[in-house]
Amino acid sequence: MNLSWGDRRLRRRLRTLILGVFATGALFWGAVDIVGVPARNLLWLLLESVLALSLVILAAGLAGWLLHRWRER
């Protein structure tokens, strides 16, 4: 797989990633500055969300692995 800066798919994916990060930052800034939510509270909620999502992904991976092992037998 040859990925160079001239590759359209790579540039499109990179642009999407950058726009997503900036949009998330703008939402965070808006919540802190305009609405008045303390940044510490938002960071704590973000951490909780990431941990919960990680647990869901881990549980799904474990279930998939168990189903795969079960089907082999």
PDB file of N, CA and C in Angstrom:
ATOM      1  N   MET A   1       0.844  -1.171   0.000  1.00  0.00           N
ATOM      2  CA  MET A   1       0.000   0.000   0.000  1.00  0.00           C
ATOM      3  C   MET A   1       0.890   1.235   0.000  1.00  0.00           C
ATOM      4  N   ASN A   2       0.818   1.997  -1.044  1.00  0.00           N
ATOM      5  CA  ASN A   2       1.656   3.171  -1.192  1.00  0.00           C
ATOM      6  C   ASN A   2       0.838   4.416  -0.882  1.00  0.00           C
ATOM      7  N   LEU A   3       1.058   5.008   0.295  1.00  0.00           N
ATOM      8  CA  LEU A   3       0.348   6.221   0.671  1.00  0.00           C
ATOM      9  C   LEU A   3       1.307   7.396   0.612  1.00  0.00           C
ATOM     10  N   SER A   4       0.978   8.364  -0.219  1.00  0.00           N
ATOM     11  CA  SER A   4       1.779   9.583  -0.301  1.00  0.00           C
ATOM     12  C   SER A   4       0.842  10.770  -0.120  1.00  0.00           C
ATOM     13  N   TRP A   5       1.415  11.952   0.053  1.00  0.00           N
ATOM     14  CA  TRP A   5       0.596  13.149   0.244  1.00  0.00           C
ATOM     15  C   TRP A   5      -0.215  13.464  -0.992  1.00  0.00           C
ATOM     16  N   GLY A   6       0.141  12.895  -2.118  1.00  0.00           N
ATOM     17  CA  GLY A   6      -0.619  13.104  -3.344  1.00  0.00           C
ATOM     18  C   GLY A   6      -1.842  12.199  -3.442  1.00  0.00           C
ATOM     19  N   ASP A   7      -1.957  11.254  -2.554  1.00  0.00           N
ATOM     20  CA  ASP A   7      -3.080  10.320  -2.569  1.00  0.00           C
ATOM     21  C   ASP A   7      -4.350  11.041  -2.116  1.00  0.00           C
ATOM     22  N   ARG A   8      -5.371  11.014  -2.962  1.00  0.00           N
ATOM     23  CA  ARG A   8      -6.619  11.716  -2.655  1.00  0.00           C
ATOM     24  C   ARG A   8      -7.316  11.139  -1.434  1.00  0.00           C
ATOM     25  N   ARG A   9      -7.313   9.824  -1.301  1.00  0.00           N
ATOM     26  CA  ARG A   9      -7.981   9.207  -0.150  1.00  0.00           C
ATOM     27  C   ARG A   9      -7.328   9.626   1.160  1.00  0.00           C
ATOM     28  N   LEU A  10      -6.011   9.654   1.178  1.00  0.00           N
ATOM     29  CA  LEU A  10      -5.295  10.057   2.384  1.00  0.00           C
ATOM     30  C   LEU A  10      -5.604  11.514   2.739  1.00  0.00           C
ATOM     31  N   ARG A  11      -5.586  12.395   1.737  1.00  0.00           N
ATOM     32  CA  ARG A  11      -5.885  13.801   1.995  1.00  0.00           C
ATOM     33  C   ARG A  11      -7.320  13.978   2.483  1.00  0.00           C
ATOM     34  N   ARG A  12      -8.255  13.237   1.910  1.00  0.00           N
ATOM     35  CA  ARG A  12      -9.655  13.336   2.321  1.00  0.00           C
ATOM     36  C   ARG A  12      -9.840  12.851   3.755  1.00  0.00           C
ATOM     37  N   ARG A  13      -9.203  11.745   4.094  1.00  0.00           N
ATOM     38  CA  ARG A  13      -9.301  11.221   5.460  1.00  0.00           C
ATOM     39  C   ARG A  13      -8.648  12.161   6.466  1.00  0.00           C
ATOM     40  N   LEU A  14      -7.508  12.699   6.103  1.00  0.00           N
ATOM     41  CA  LEU A  14      -6.813  13.631   6.982  1.00  0.00           C
ATOM     42  C   LEU A  14      -7.641  14.903   7.180  1.00  0.00           C
ATOM     43  N   ARG A  15      -8.248  15.404   6.100  1.00  0.00           N
ATOM     44  CA  ARG A  15      -9.089  16.595   6.201  1.00  0.00           C
ATOM     45  C   ARG A  15     -10.293  16.326   7.103  1.00  0.00           C
ATOM     46  N   THR A  16     -10.902  15.145   6.962  1.00  0.00           N
ATOM     47  CA  THR A  16     -12.040  14.789   7.803  1.00  0.00           C
ATOM     48  C   THR A  16     -11.624  14.707   9.268  1.00  0.00           C
ATOM     49  N   LEU A  17     -10.481  14.111   9.533  1.00  0.00           N
ATOM     50  CA  LEU A  17      -9.978  14.007  10.900  1.00  0.00           C
ATOM     51  C   LEU A  17      -9.730  15.388  11.502  1.00  0.00           C
ATOM     52  N   ILE A  18      -9.085  16.257  10.754  1.00  0.00           N
ATOM     53  CA  ILE A  18      -8.776  17.597  11.251  1.00  0.00           C
ATOM     54  C   ILE A  18     -10.056  18.387  11.500  1.00  0.00           C
ATOM     55  N   LEU A  19     -11.005  18.330  10.579  1.00  0.00           N
ATOM     56  CA  LEU A  19     -12.273  19.035  10.766  1.00  0.00           C
ATOM     57  C   LEU A  19     -13.034  18.497  11.970  1.00  0.00           C
ATOM     58  N   GLY A  20     -12.991  17.193  12.191  1.00  0.00           N
ATOM     59  CA  GLY A  20     -13.662  16.605  13.345  1.00  0.00           C
ATOM     60  C   GLY A  20     -13.046  17.074  14.651  1.00  0.00           C
ATOM     61  N   VAL A  21     -11.729  17.145  14.689  1.00  0.00           N
ATOM     62  CA  VAL A  21     -11.049  17.606  15.905  1.00  0.00           C
ATOM     63  C   VAL A  21     -11.377  19.073  16.170  1.00  0.00           C
ATOM     64  N   PHE A  22     -11.358  19.899  15.130  1.00  0.00           N
ATOM     65  CA  PHE A  22     -11.692  21.315  15.312  1.00  0.00           C
ATOM     66  C   PHE A  22     -13.149  21.506  15.722  1.00  0.00           C
ATOM     67  N   ALA A  23     -14.056  20.725  15.146  1.00  0.00           N
ATOM     68  CA  ALA A  23     -15.473  20.833  15.518  1.00  0.00           C
ATOM     69  C   ALA A  23     -15.683  20.443  16.978  1.00  0.00           C
ATOM     70  N   THR A  24     -15.004  19.387  17.412  1.00  0.00           N
ATOM     71  CA  THR A  24     -15.109  18.981  18.810  1.00  0.00           C
ATOM     72  C   THR A  24     -14.546  20.060  19.726  1.00  0.00           C
ATOM     73  N   GLY A  25     -13.436  20.641  19.352  1.00  0.00           N
ATOM     74  CA  GLY A  25     -12.857  21.733  20.134  1.00  0.00           C
ATOM     75  C   GLY A  25     -13.781  22.941  20.200  1.00  0.00           C
ATOM     76  N   ALA A  26     -14.450  23.258  19.083  1.00  0.00           N
ATOM     77  CA  ALA A  26     -15.375  24.392  19.073  1.00  0.00           C
ATOM     78  C   ALA A  26     -16.570  24.122  19.983  1.00  0.00           C
ATOM     79  N   LEU A  27     -17.079  22.900  19.974  1.00  0.00           N
ATOM     80  CA  LEU A  27     -18.186  22.556  20.869  1.00  0.00           C
ATOM     81  C   LEU A  27     -17.756  22.645  22.329  1.00  0.00           C
ATOM     82  N   PHE A  28     -16.558  22.162  22.619  1.00  0.00           N
ATOM     83  CA  PHE A  28     -16.030  22.227  23.984  1.00  0.00           C
ATOM     84  C   PHE A  28     -15.882  23.678  24.421  1.00  0.00           C
ATOM     85  N   TRP A  29     -15.294  24.515  23.560  1.00  0.00           N
ATOM     86  CA  TRP A  29     -15.109  25.926  23.873  1.00  0.00           C
ATOM     87  C   TRP A  29     -16.460  26.606  24.077  1.00  0.00           C
ATOM     88  N   GLY A  30     -17.431  26.279  23.231  1.00  0.00           N
ATOM     89  CA  GLY A  30     -18.758  26.871  23.361  1.00  0.00           C
ATOM     90  C   GLY A  30     -19.413  26.510  24.679  1.00  0.00           C
ATOM     91  N   ALA A  31     -19.261  25.266  25.089  1.00  0.00           N
ATOM     92  CA  ALA A  31     -19.854  24.840  26.352  1.00  0.00           C
ATOM     93  C   ALA A  31     -19.183  25.538  27.529  1.00  0.00           C
ATOM     94  N   VAL A  32     -17.886  25.731  27.452  1.00  0.00           N
ATOM     95  CA  VAL A  32     -17.162  26.367  28.552  1.00  0.00           C
ATOM     96  C   VAL A  32     -17.400  27.879  28.564  1.00  0.00           C
ATOM     97  N   ASP A  33     -17.264  28.518  27.416  1.00  0.00           N
ATOM     98  CA  ASP A  33     -17.294  29.978  27.357  1.00  0.00           C
ATOM     99  C   ASP A  33     -18.718  30.536  27.312  1.00  0.00           C
ATOM    100  N   ILE A  34     -19.551  30.010  26.455  1.00  0.00           N
ATOM    101  CA  ILE A  34     -20.881  30.577  26.252  1.00  0.00           C
ATOM    102  C   ILE A  34     -21.866  30.096  27.318  1.00  0.00           C
ATOM    103  N   VAL A  35     -21.906  28.804  27.561  1.00  0.00           N
ATOM    104  CA  VAL A  35     -22.878  28.242  28.494  1.00  0.00           C
ATOM    105  C   VAL A  35     -22.401  28.383  29.933  1.00  0.00           C
ATOM    106  N   GLY A  36     -21.102  28.331  30.155  1.00  0.00           N
ATOM    107  CA  GLY A  36     -20.569  28.503  31.494  1.00  0.00           C
ATOM    108  C   GLY A  36     -20.334  27.207  32.253  1.00  0.00           C
ATOM    109  N   VAL A  37     -20.245  26.113  31.525  1.00  0.00           N
ATOM    110  CA  VAL A  37     -19.950  24.834  32.167  1.00  0.00           C
ATOM    111  C   VAL A  37     -18.459  24.808  32.502  1.00  0.00           C
ATOM    112  N   PRO A  38     -18.097  24.445  33.714  1.00  0.00           N
ATOM    113  CA  PRO A  38     -16.665  24.371  34.051  1.00  0.00           C
ATOM    114  C   PRO A  38     -15.934  23.327  33.195  1.00  0.00           C
ATOM    115  N   ALA A  39     -14.760  23.698  32.728  1.00  0.00           N
ATOM    116  CA  ALA A  39     -13.983  22.800  31.869  1.00  0.00           C
ATOM    117  C   ALA A  39     -13.657  21.495  32.588  1.00  0.00           C
ATOM    118  N   ARG A  40     -13.451  21.574  33.898  1.00  0.00           N
ATOM    119  CA  ARG A  40     -13.123  20.359  34.667  1.00  0.00           C
ATOM    120  C   ARG A  40     -14.259  19.348  34.591  1.00  0.00           C
ATOM    121  N   ASN A  41     -15.504  19.826  34.669  1.00  0.00           N
ATOM    122  CA  ASN A  41     -16.656  18.925  34.575  1.00  0.00           C
ATOM    123  C   ASN A  41     -16.723  18.252  33.201  1.00  0.00           C
ATOM    124  N   LEU A  42     -16.481  19.039  32.156  1.00  0.00           N
ATOM    125  CA  LEU A  42     -16.520  18.468  30.806  1.00  0.00           C
ATOM    126  C   LEU A  42     -15.420  17.437  30.591  1.00  0.00           C
ATOM    127  N   LEU A  43     -14.242  17.726  31.106  1.00  0.00           N
ATOM    128  CA  LEU A  43     -13.146  16.764  30.961  1.00  0.00           C
ATOM    129  C   LEU A  43     -13.450  15.472  31.720  1.00  0.00           C
ATOM    130  N   TRP A  44     -14.064  15.597  32.888  1.00  0.00           N
ATOM    131  CA  TRP A  44     -14.434  14.403  33.656  1.00  0.00           C
ATOM    132  C   TRP A  44     -15.473  13.577  32.898  1.00  0.00           C
ATOM    133  N   LEU A  45     -16.474  14.255  32.314  1.00  0.00           N
ATOM    134  CA  LEU A  45     -17.496  13.552  31.531  1.00  0.00           C
ATOM    135  C   LEU A  45     -16.888  12.899  30.289  1.00  0.00           C
ATOM    136  N   LEU A  46     -15.929  13.576  29.675  1.00  0.00           N
ATOM    137  CA  LEU A  46     -15.246  13.001  28.519  1.00  0.00           C
ATOM    138  C   LEU A  46     -14.487  11.740  28.921  1.00  0.00           C
ATOM    139  N   LEU A  47     -13.801  11.782  30.047  1.00  0.00           N
ATOM    140  CA  LEU A  47     -13.073  10.616  30.539  1.00  0.00           C
ATOM    141  C   LEU A  47     -14.027   9.456  30.826  1.00  0.00           C
ATOM    142  N   GLU A  48     -15.149   9.758  31.483  1.00  0.00           N
ATOM    143  CA  GLU A  48     -16.140   8.716  31.761  1.00  0.00           C
ATOM    144  C   GLU A  48     -16.686   8.109  30.470  1.00  0.00           C
ATOM    145  N   SER A  49     -16.935   8.948  29.473  1.00  0.00           N
ATOM    146  CA  SER A  49     -17.463   8.459  28.193  1.00  0.00           C
ATOM    147  C   SER A  49     -16.457   7.545  27.495  1.00  0.00           C
ATOM    148  N   VAL A  50     -15.193   7.958  27.508  1.00  0.00           N
ATOM    149  CA  VAL A  50     -14.154   7.147  26.862  1.00  0.00           C
ATOM    150  C   VAL A  50     -14.011   5.800  27.575  1.00  0.00           C
ATOM    151  N   LEU A  51     -14.051   5.818  28.899  1.00  0.00           N
ATOM    152  CA  LEU A  51     -13.953   4.558  29.653  1.00  0.00           C
ATOM    153  C   LEU A  51     -15.157   3.654  29.392  1.00  0.00           C
ATOM    154  N   ALA A  52     -16.351   4.229  29.365  1.00  0.00           N
ATOM    155  CA  ALA A  52     -17.548   3.426  29.103  1.00  0.00           C
ATOM    156  C   ALA A  52     -17.502   2.836  27.704  1.00  0.00           C
ATOM    157  N   LEU A  53     -17.096   3.628  26.723  1.00  0.00           N
ATOM    158  CA  LEU A  53     -16.991   3.131  25.357  1.00  0.00           C
ATOM    159  C   LEU A  53     -15.932   2.033  25.252  1.00  0.00           C
ATOM    160  N   SER A  54     -14.834   2.194  25.959  1.00  0.00           N
ATOM    161  CA  SER A  54     -13.787   1.170  25.965  1.00  0.00           C
ATOM    162  C   SER A  54     -14.299  -0.138  26.553  1.00  0.00           C
ATOM    163  N   LEU A  55     -15.089  -0.045  27.612  1.00  0.00           N
ATOM    164  CA  LEU A  55     -15.667  -1.261  28.203  1.00  0.00           C
ATOM    165  C   LEU A  55     -16.625  -1.951  27.243  1.00  0.00           C
ATOM    166  N   VAL A  56     -17.427  -1.180  26.528  1.00  0.00           N
ATOM    167  CA  VAL A  56     -18.353  -1.762  25.549  1.00  0.00           C
ATOM    168  C   VAL A  56     -17.582  -2.447  24.437  1.00  0.00           C
ATOM    169  N   ILE A  57     -16.532  -1.805  23.947  1.00  0.00           N
ATOM    170  CA  ILE A  57     -15.714  -2.406  22.884  1.00  0.00           C
ATOM    171  C   ILE A  57     -15.033  -3.666  23.389  1.00  0.00           C
ATOM    172  N   LEU A  58     -14.534  -3.646  24.606  1.00  0.00           N
ATOM    173  CA  LEU A  58     -13.890  -4.817  25.196  1.00  0.00           C
ATOM    174  C   LEU A  58     -14.881  -5.965  25.346  1.00  0.00           C
ATOM    175  N   ALA A  59     -16.088  -5.659  25.825  1.00  0.00           N
ATOM    176  CA  ALA A  59     -17.112  -6.694  25.980  1.00  0.00           C
ATOM    177  C   ALA A  59     -17.503  -7.278  24.630  1.00  0.00           C
ATOM    178  N   ALA A  60     -17.641  -6.438  23.621  1.00  0.00           N
ATOM    179  CA  ALA A  60     -17.985  -6.928  22.285  1.00  0.00           C
ATOM    180  C   ALA A  60     -16.865  -7.799  21.720  1.00  0.00           C
ATOM    181  N   GLY A  61     -15.624  -7.387  21.932  1.00  0.00           N
ATOM    182  CA  GLY A  61     -14.499  -8.187  21.461  1.00  0.00           C
ATOM    183  C   GLY A  61     -14.431  -9.529  22.161  1.00  0.00           C
ATOM    184  N   LEU A  62     -14.660  -9.526  23.455  1.00  0.00           N
ATOM    185  CA  LEU A  62     -14.664 -10.779  24.213  1.00  0.00           C
ATOM    186  C   LEU A  62     -15.796 -11.695  23.741  1.00  0.00           C
ATOM    187  N   ALA A  63     -16.977 -11.132  23.514  1.00  0.00           N
ATOM    188  CA  ALA A  63     -18.100 -11.932  23.033  1.00  0.00           C
ATOM    189  C   ALA A  63     -17.798 -12.517  21.655  1.00  0.00           C
ATOM    190  N   GLY A  64     -17.200 -11.724  20.788  1.00  0.00           N
ATOM    191  CA  GLY A  64     -16.829 -12.217  19.459  1.00  0.00           C
ATOM    192  C   GLY A  64     -15.804 -13.323  19.532  1.00  0.00           C
ATOM    193  N   TRP A  65     -14.825 -13.160  20.410  1.00  0.00           N
ATOM    194  CA  TRP A  65     -13.801 -14.190  20.566  1.00  0.00           C
ATOM    195  C   TRP A  65     -14.415 -15.483  21.096  1.00  0.00           C
ATOM    196  N   LEU A  66     -15.307 -15.357  22.091  1.00  0.00           N
ATOM    197  CA  LEU A  66     -15.960 -16.551  22.639  1.00  0.00           C
ATOM    198  C   LEU A  66     -16.835 -17.244  21.599  1.00  0.00           C
ATOM    199  N   LEU A  67     -17.566 -16.477  20.802  1.00  0.00           N
ATOM    200  CA  LEU A  67     -18.379 -17.078  19.747  1.00  0.00           C
ATOM    201  C   LEU A  67     -17.504 -17.776  18.714  1.00  0.00           C
ATOM    202  N   HIS A  68     -16.380 -17.174  18.379  1.00  0.00           N
ATOM    203  CA  HIS A  68     -15.460 -17.792  17.427  1.00  0.00           C
ATOM    204  C   HIS A  68     -14.938 -19.125  17.969  1.00  0.00           C
ATOM    205  N   ARG A  69     -14.538 -19.135  19.234  1.00  0.00           N
ATOM    206  CA  ARG A  69     -14.043 -20.379  19.854  1.00  0.00           C
ATOM    207  C   ARG A  69     -15.144 -21.423  19.921  1.00  0.00           C
ATOM    208  N   TRP A  70     -16.364 -20.980  20.225  1.00  0.00           N
ATOM    209  CA  TRP A  70     -17.496 -21.893  20.359  1.00  0.00           C
ATOM    210  C   TRP A  70     -17.827 -22.533  19.014  1.00  0.00           C
ATOM    211  N   ARG A  71     -17.723 -21.777  17.930  1.00  0.00           N
ATOM    212  CA  ARG A  71     -18.031 -22.292  16.598  1.00  0.00           C
ATOM    213  C   ARG A  71     -16.966 -23.271  16.105  1.00  0.00           C
ATOM    214  N   GLU A  72     -15.727 -23.112  16.580  1.00  0.00           N
ATOM    215  CA  GLU A  72     -14.665 -24.024  16.176  1.00  0.00           C
ATOM    216  C   GLU A  72     -14.910 -25.425  16.716  1.00  0.00           C
ATOM    217  N   ARG A  73     -15.536 -25.518  17.875  1.00  0.00           N
ATOM    218  CA  ARG A  73     -15.783 -26.822  18.479  1.00  0.00           C
ATOM    219  C   ARG A  73     -16.975 -27.407  17.846  1.00  0.00           C
TER     220      ARG A  73
END
